[in-house]
PDB file of N, CA and C in Angstrom:
ATOM      1  N   MET A   1     -31.606  13.356  62.549  1.00  0.00           N
ATOM      2  CA  MET A   1     -31.828  14.127  63.743  1.00  0.00           C
ATOM      3  C   MET A   1     -30.702  13.907  64.744  1.00  0.00           C
ATOM      4  N   SER A   2     -30.300  14.981  65.347  1.00  0.00           N
ATOM      5  CA  SER A   2     -29.229  14.853  66.335  1.00  0.00           C
ATOM      6  C   SER A   2     -29.822  14.886  67.748  1.00  0.00           C
ATOM      7  N   ASP A   3     -29.291  14.059  68.571  1.00  0.00           N
ATOM      8  CA  ASP A   3     -29.744  13.977  69.970  1.00  0.00           C
ATOM      9  C   ASP A   3     -28.796  14.828  70.820  1.00  0.00           C
ATOM     10  N   THR A   4     -29.347  15.694  71.683  1.00  0.00           N
ATOM     11  CA  THR A   4     -28.507  16.581  72.482  1.00  0.00           C
ATOM     12  C   THR A   4     -27.902  15.858  73.681  1.00  0.00           C
ATOM     13  N   ARG A   5     -28.451  14.708  74.067  1.00  0.00           N
ATOM     14  CA  ARG A   5     -27.883  13.949  75.175  1.00  0.00           C
ATOM     15  C   ARG A   5     -26.650  13.207  74.704  1.00  0.00           C
ATOM     16  N   SER A   6     -25.728  13.011  75.596  1.00  0.00           N
ATOM     17  CA  SER A   6     -24.530  12.259  75.211  1.00  0.00           C
ATOM     18  C   SER A   6     -24.880  10.784  75.132  1.00  0.00           C
ATOM     19  N   SER A   7     -24.275  10.123  74.235  1.00  0.00           N
ATOM     20  CA  SER A   7     -24.583   8.720  74.017  1.00  0.00           C
ATOM     21  C   SER A   7     -23.459   7.825  74.524  1.00  0.00           C
ATOM     22  N   THR A   8     -22.875   8.194  75.679  1.00  0.00           N
ATOM     23  CA  THR A   8     -21.779   7.391  76.201  1.00  0.00           C
ATOM     24  C   THR A   8     -22.283   6.139  76.887  1.00  0.00           C
ATOM     25  N   GLY A   9     -23.549   6.112  77.271  1.00  0.00           N
ATOM     26  CA  GLY A   9     -24.109   4.943  77.903  1.00  0.00           C
ATOM     27  C   GLY A   9     -23.829   4.884  79.393  1.00  0.00           C
ATOM     28  N   ALA A  10     -23.094   5.840  79.928  1.00  0.00           N
ATOM     29  CA  ALA A  10     -22.810   5.846  81.370  1.00  0.00           C
ATOM     30  C   ALA A  10     -24.018   6.412  82.101  1.00  0.00           C
ATOM     31  N   SER A  11     -24.461   5.675  83.073  1.00  0.00           N
ATOM     32  CA  SER A  11     -25.609   6.156  83.845  1.00  0.00           C
ATOM     33  C   SER A  11     -25.115   6.749  85.164  1.00  0.00           C
ATOM     34  N   LEU A  12     -25.856   7.694  85.666  1.00  0.00           N
ATOM     35  CA  LEU A  12     -25.507   8.327  86.933  1.00  0.00           C
ATOM     36  C   LEU A  12     -25.851   7.385  88.083  1.00  0.00           C
ATOM     37  N   PRO A  13     -25.022   7.343  89.121  1.00  0.00           N
ATOM     38  CA  PRO A  13     -25.336   6.479  90.259  1.00  0.00           C
ATOM     39  C   PRO A  13     -26.576   7.004  90.987  1.00  0.00           C
ATOM     40  N   ASP A  14     -27.319   6.087  91.563  1.00  0.00           N
ATOM     41  CA  ASP A  14     -28.497   6.498  92.324  1.00  0.00           C
ATOM     42  C   ASP A  14     -28.043   7.280  93.551  1.00  0.00           C
ATOM     43  N   VAL A  15     -28.614   8.445  93.704  1.00  0.00           N
ATOM     44  CA  VAL A  15     -28.249   9.300  94.830  1.00  0.00           C
ATOM     45  C   VAL A  15     -29.384   9.231  95.839  1.00  0.00           C
ATOM     46  N   SER A  16     -29.093   8.658  96.993  1.00  0.00           N
ATOM     47  CA  SER A  16     -30.112   8.578  98.041  1.00  0.00           C
ATOM     48  C   SER A  16     -29.953   9.775  98.961  1.00  0.00           C
ATOM     49  N   PRO A  17     -31.029  10.190  99.598  1.00  0.00           N
ATOM     50  CA  PRO A  17     -30.919  11.341 100.509  1.00  0.00           C
ATOM     51  C   PRO A  17     -30.012  10.986 101.678  1.00  0.00           C
ATOM     52  N   PRO A  18     -29.266  11.956 102.180  1.00  0.00           N
ATOM     53  CA  PRO A  18     -28.350  11.661 103.293  1.00  0.00           C
ATOM     54  C   PRO A  18     -29.138  11.261 104.540  1.00  0.00           C
ATOM     55  N   ARG A  19     -28.573  10.329 105.280  1.00  0.00           N
ATOM     56  CA  ARG A  19     -29.220   9.897 106.515  1.00  0.00           C
ATOM     57  C   ARG A  19     -29.087  10.976 107.571  1.00  0.00           C
ATOM     58  N   ASN A  20     -30.112  11.072 108.424  1.00  0.00           N
ATOM     59  CA  ASN A  20     -30.039  12.021 109.524  1.00  0.00           C
ATOM     60  C   ASN A  20     -29.125  11.449 110.600  1.00  0.00           C
ATOM     61  N   PRO A  21     -28.121  12.213 111.015  1.00  0.00           N
ATOM     62  CA  PRO A  21     -27.253  11.702 112.073  1.00  0.00           C
ATOM     63  C   PRO A  21     -28.031  11.571 113.378  1.00  0.00           C
ATOM     64  N   LYS A  22     -27.618  10.649 114.218  1.00  0.00           N
ATOM     65  CA  LYS A  22     -28.311  10.428 115.478  1.00  0.00           C
ATOM     66  C   LYS A  22     -28.178  11.673 116.347  1.00  0.00           C
ATOM     67  N   ARG A  23     -29.314  12.117 116.870  1.00  0.00           N
ATOM     68  CA  ARG A  23     -29.310  13.315 117.701  1.00  0.00           C
ATOM     69  C   ARG A  23     -28.738  12.979 119.072  1.00  0.00           C
ATOM     70  N   ARG A  24     -27.954  13.885 119.588  1.00  0.00           N
ATOM     71  CA  ARG A  24     -27.342  13.688 120.900  1.00  0.00           C
ATOM     72  C   ARG A  24     -27.827  14.770 121.845  1.00  0.00           C
ATOM     73  N   ARG A  25     -28.051  14.381 123.079  1.00  0.00           N
ATOM     74  CA  ARG A  25     -28.488  15.338 124.090  1.00  0.00           C
ATOM     75  C   ARG A  25     -27.300  16.143 124.592  1.00  0.00           C
ATOM     76  N   ALA A  26     -27.581  17.363 124.990  1.00  0.00           N
ATOM     77  CA  ALA A  26     -26.540  18.196 125.564  1.00  0.00           C
ATOM     78  C   ALA A  26     -26.175  17.655 126.943  1.00  0.00           C
ATOM     79  N   ARG A  27     -24.904  17.663 127.250  1.00  0.00           N
ATOM     80  CA  ARG A  27     -24.467  17.173 128.553  1.00  0.00           C
ATOM     81  C   ARG A  27     -24.726  18.230 129.612  1.00  0.00           C
ATOM     82  N   HIS A  28     -24.996  17.763 130.821  1.00  0.00           N
ATOM     83  CA  HIS A  28     -25.212  18.666 131.936  1.00  0.00           C
ATOM     84  C   HIS A  28     -24.847  17.956 133.227  1.00  0.00           C
ATOM     85  N   ASN A  29     -24.651  18.724 134.260  1.00  0.00           N
ATOM     86  CA  ASN A  29     -24.366  18.159 135.570  1.00  0.00           C
ATOM     87  C   ASN A  29     -25.672  17.923 136.301  1.00  0.00           C
ATOM     88  N   LYS A  30     -25.755  16.822 137.008  1.00  0.00           N
ATOM     89  CA  LYS A  30     -26.984  16.509 137.723  1.00  0.00           C
ATOM     90  C   LYS A  30     -27.087  17.343 138.980  1.00  0.00           C
ATOM     91  N   SER A  31     -28.288  17.751 139.281  1.00  0.00           N
ATOM     92  CA  SER A  31     -28.567  18.495 140.492  1.00  0.00           C
ATOM     93  C   SER A  31     -28.939  17.486 141.576  1.00  0.00           C
ATOM     94  N   ARG A  32     -28.093  17.298 142.540  1.00  0.00           N
ATOM     95  CA  ARG A  32     -28.320  16.301 143.583  1.00  0.00           C
ATOM     96  C   ARG A  32     -29.040  16.881 144.792  1.00  0.00           C
ATOM     97  N   LYS A  33     -28.798  18.147 145.084  1.00  0.00           N
ATOM     98  CA  LYS A  33     -29.322  18.727 146.317  1.00  0.00           C
ATOM     99  C   LYS A  33     -30.206  19.929 146.007  1.00  0.00           C
ATOM    100  N   GLY A  34     -31.047  19.799 145.005  1.00  0.00           N
ATOM    101  CA  GLY A  34     -31.912  20.893 144.595  1.00  0.00           C
ATOM    102  C   GLY A  34     -33.036  21.144 145.581  1.00  0.00           C
ATOM    103  N   CYS A  35     -33.686  22.283 145.437  1.00  0.00           N
ATOM    104  CA  CYS A  35     -34.779  22.644 146.337  1.00  0.00           C
ATOM    105  C   CYS A  35     -36.025  21.826 145.998  1.00  0.00           C
ATOM    106  N   TYR A  36     -36.951  21.792 146.934  1.00  0.00           N
ATOM    107  CA  TYR A  36     -38.168  21.004 146.756  1.00  0.00           C
ATOM    108  C   TYR A  36     -39.028  21.528 145.604  1.00  0.00           C
ATOM    109  N   THR A  37     -39.051  22.828 145.401  1.00  0.00           N
ATOM    110  CA  THR A  37     -39.867  23.398 144.329  1.00  0.00           C
ATOM    111  C   THR A  37     -39.352  22.955 142.967  1.00  0.00           C
ATOM    112  N   CYS A  38     -38.051  22.990 142.758  1.00  0.00           N
ATOM    113  CA  CYS A  38     -37.479  22.550 141.481  1.00  0.00           C
ATOM    114  C   CYS A  38     -37.683  21.057 141.283  1.00  0.00           C
ATOM    115  N   LYS A  39     -37.570  20.285 142.352  1.00  0.00           N
ATOM    116  CA  LYS A  39     -37.811  18.850 142.248  1.00  0.00           C
ATOM    117  C   LYS A  39     -39.259  18.573 141.866  1.00  0.00           C
ATOM    118  N   LEU A  40     -40.179  19.313 142.427  1.00  0.00           N
ATOM    119  CA  LEU A  40     -41.590  19.132 142.122  1.00  0.00           C
ATOM    120  C   LEU A  40     -41.884  19.509 140.673  1.00  0.00           C
ATOM    121  N   ARG A  41     -41.268  20.584 140.196  1.00  0.00           N
ATOM    122  CA  ARG A  41     -41.480  21.040 138.817  1.00  0.00           C
ATOM    123  C   ARG A  41     -40.621  20.267 137.821  1.00  0.00           C
ATOM    124  N   ARG A  42     -39.699  19.450 138.313  1.00  0.00           N
ATOM    125  CA  ARG A  42     -38.771  18.671 137.493  1.00  0.00           C
ATOM    126  C   ARG A  42     -37.929  19.547 136.570  1.00  0.00           C
ATOM    127  N   VAL A  43     -37.339  20.560 137.169  1.00  0.00           N
ATOM    128  CA  VAL A  43     -36.409  21.432 136.455  1.00  0.00           C
ATOM    129  C   VAL A  43     -35.080  21.403 137.199  1.00  0.00           C
ATOM    130  N   LYS A  44     -34.043  21.829 136.522  1.00  0.00           N
ATOM    131  CA  LYS A  44     -32.724  21.833 137.135  1.00  0.00           C
ATOM    132  C   LYS A  44     -32.597  23.003 138.093  1.00  0.00           C
ATOM    133  N   CYS A  45     -32.185  22.693 139.307  1.00  0.00           N
ATOM    134  CA  CYS A  45     -31.986  23.718 140.334  1.00  0.00           C
ATOM    135  C   CYS A  45     -30.522  24.121 140.334  1.00  0.00           C
ATOM    136  N   ASP A  46     -30.245  25.426 140.430  1.00  0.00           N
ATOM    137  CA  ASP A  46     -28.853  25.852 140.470  1.00  0.00           C
ATOM    138  C   ASP A  46     -28.275  25.769 141.884  1.00  0.00           C
ATOM    139  N   GLU A  47     -29.097  25.390 142.871  1.00  0.00           N
ATOM    140  CA  GLU A  47     -28.697  25.127 144.244  1.00  0.00           C
ATOM    141  C   GLU A  47     -28.066  26.322 144.936  1.00  0.00           C
ATOM    142  N   VAL A  48     -28.415  27.527 144.546  1.00  0.00           N
ATOM    143  CA  VAL A  48     -27.929  28.725 145.212  1.00  0.00           C
ATOM    144  C   VAL A  48     -28.807  28.949 146.435  1.00  0.00           C
ATOM    145  N   ARG A  49     -28.194  29.138 147.575  1.00  0.00           N
ATOM    146  CA  ARG A  49     -28.944  29.314 148.812  1.00  0.00           C
ATOM    147  C   ARG A  49     -28.892  30.764 149.245  1.00  0.00           C
ATOM    148  N   PRO A  50     -29.871  31.298 149.909  1.00  0.00           N
ATOM    149  CA  PRO A  50     -31.075  30.680 150.467  1.00  0.00           C
ATOM    150  C   PRO A  50     -32.210  30.527 149.462  1.00  0.00           C
ATOM    151  N   VAL A  51     -32.164  31.254 148.338  1.00  0.00           N
ATOM    152  CA  VAL A  51     -33.219  31.125 147.321  1.00  0.00           C
ATOM    153  C   VAL A  51     -32.532  30.853 145.985  1.00  0.00           C
ATOM    154  N   CYS A  52     -32.924  29.752 145.330  1.00  0.00           N
ATOM    155  CA  CYS A  52     -32.280  29.408 144.056  1.00  0.00           C
ATOM    156  C   CYS A  52     -32.750  30.354 142.955  1.00  0.00           C
ATOM    157  N   GLY A  53     -32.071  30.323 141.827  1.00  0.00           N
ATOM    158  CA  GLY A  53     -32.366  31.236 140.722  1.00  0.00           C
ATOM    159  C   GLY A  53     -33.751  31.034 140.137  1.00  0.00           C
ATOM    160  N   ALA A  54     -34.192  29.777 139.993  1.00  0.00           N
ATOM    161  CA  ALA A  54     -35.504  29.505 139.417  1.00  0.00           C
ATOM    162  C   ALA A  54     -36.619  30.021 140.324  1.00  0.00           C
ATOM    163  N   CYS A  55     -36.482  29.815 141.637  1.00  0.00           N
ATOM    164  CA  CYS A  55     -37.509  30.284 142.578  1.00  0.00           C
ATOM    165  C   CYS A  55     -37.507  31.800 142.700  1.00  0.00           C
ATOM    166  N   SER A  56     -36.325  32.411 142.656  1.00  0.00           N
ATOM    167  CA  SER A  56     -36.290  33.877 142.740  1.00  0.00           C
ATOM    168  C   SER A  56     -36.887  34.502 141.488  1.00  0.00           C
ATOM    169  N   PHE A  57     -36.692  33.874 140.331  1.00  0.00           N
ATOM    170  CA  PHE A  57     -37.257  34.381 139.096  1.00  0.00           C
ATOM    171  C   PHE A  57     -38.779  34.275 139.101  1.00  0.00           C
ATOM    172  N   ARG A  58     -39.302  33.194 139.676  1.00  0.00           N
ATOM    173  CA  ARG A  58     -40.743  32.962 139.703  1.00  0.00           C
ATOM    174  C   ARG A  58     -41.405  33.483 140.971  1.00  0.00           C
ATOM    175  N   ASP A  59     -40.652  34.092 141.867  1.00  0.00           N
ATOM    176  CA  ASP A  59     -41.168  34.589 143.153  1.00  0.00           C
ATOM    177  C   ASP A  59     -41.914  33.500 143.908  1.00  0.00           C
ATOM    178  N   GLU A  60     -41.286  32.331 144.009  1.00  0.00           N
ATOM    179  CA  GLU A  60     -41.869  31.202 144.720  1.00  0.00           C
ATOM    180  C   GLU A  60     -41.063  30.923 145.978  1.00  0.00           C
ATOM    181  N   PRO A  61     -41.682  30.277 146.955  1.00  0.00           N
ATOM    182  CA  PRO A  61     -40.915  29.903 148.153  1.00  0.00           C
ATOM    183  C   PRO A  61     -39.887  28.837 147.794  1.00  0.00           C
ATOM    184  N   CYS A  62     -38.747  28.909 148.426  1.00  0.00           N
ATOM    185  CA  CYS A  62     -37.663  27.994 148.125  1.00  0.00           C
ATOM    186  C   CYS A  62     -37.187  27.361 149.426  1.00  0.00           C
ATOM    187  N   SER A  63     -37.285  26.055 149.519  1.00  0.00           N
ATOM    188  CA  SER A  63     -36.780  25.359 150.701  1.00  0.00           C
ATOM    189  C   SER A  63     -35.985  24.144 150.252  1.00  0.00           C
ATOM    190  N   PHE A  64     -34.855  23.941 150.916  1.00  0.00           N
ATOM    191  CA  PHE A  64     -33.936  22.869 150.576  1.00  0.00           C
ATOM    192  C   PHE A  64     -34.037  21.749 151.596  1.00  0.00           C
ATOM    193  N   PRO A  65     -33.678  20.540 151.194  1.00  0.00           N
ATOM    194  CA  PRO A  65     -33.599  19.453 152.169  1.00  0.00           C
ATOM    195  C   PRO A  65     -32.462  19.730 153.146  1.00  0.00           C
ATOM    196  N   PRO A  66     -32.515  19.139 154.347  1.00  0.00           N
ATOM    197  CA  PRO A  66     -31.433  19.388 155.313  1.00  0.00           C
ATOM    198  C   PRO A  66     -30.102  18.882 154.786  1.00  0.00           C
ATOM    199  N   LEU A  67     -29.049  19.598 155.148  1.00  0.00           N
ATOM    200  CA  LEU A  67     -27.709  19.222 154.712  1.00  0.00           C
ATOM    201  C   LEU A  67     -27.223  18.021 155.513  1.00  0.00           C
ATOM    202  N   ASP A  68     -26.619  17.068 154.819  1.00  0.00           N
ATOM    203  CA  ASP A  68     -25.986  15.922 155.465  1.00  0.00           C
ATOM    204  C   ASP A  68     -24.487  16.160 155.465  1.00  0.00           C
ATOM    205  N   GLU A  69     -23.884  16.277 156.659  1.00  0.00           N
ATOM    206  CA  GLU A  69     -22.457  16.555 156.726  1.00  0.00           C
ATOM    207  C   GLU A  69     -21.618  15.348 156.320  1.00  0.00           C
ATOM    208  N   HIS A  70     -22.114  14.121 156.547  1.00  0.00           N
ATOM    209  CA  HIS A  70     -21.303  12.939 156.267  1.00  0.00           C
ATOM    210  C   HIS A  70     -21.381  12.504 154.812  1.00  0.00           C
ATOM    211  N   VAL A  71     -22.298  13.039 154.023  1.00  0.00           N
ATOM    212  CA  VAL A  71     -22.437  12.663 152.610  1.00  0.00           C
ATOM    213  C   VAL A  71     -21.720  13.703 151.765  1.00  0.00           C
ATOM    214  N   MET A  72     -20.868  13.233 150.843  1.00  0.00           N
ATOM    215  CA  MET A  72     -20.155  14.176 149.979  1.00  0.00           C
ATOM    216  C   MET A  72     -20.513  13.939 148.564  1.00  0.00           C
TER     217      MET A  72
END
C-alpha cells in the first residue's frame, strides 16, 4: 500500500493565532473653556460663541464661564 502523505518526517511548526495589537485612543485637543451644558453632559465642546455646535444641534441653552483675561 502506498501512503499519499510525504514521509520526510518534517513536521509543521505550531501556528498560534496572531496577538491583538494594543488598541490606541484617537488623539484630540482638550476643551478647557467649554460651556456648562457640555461639561454637564461630559461631551467635547467646540467652544463656538455665543452658542456652541452641540447646544445649537440639541436646541439647548448654552452659557459659558466668564472669560479670564489674565489666563492664557
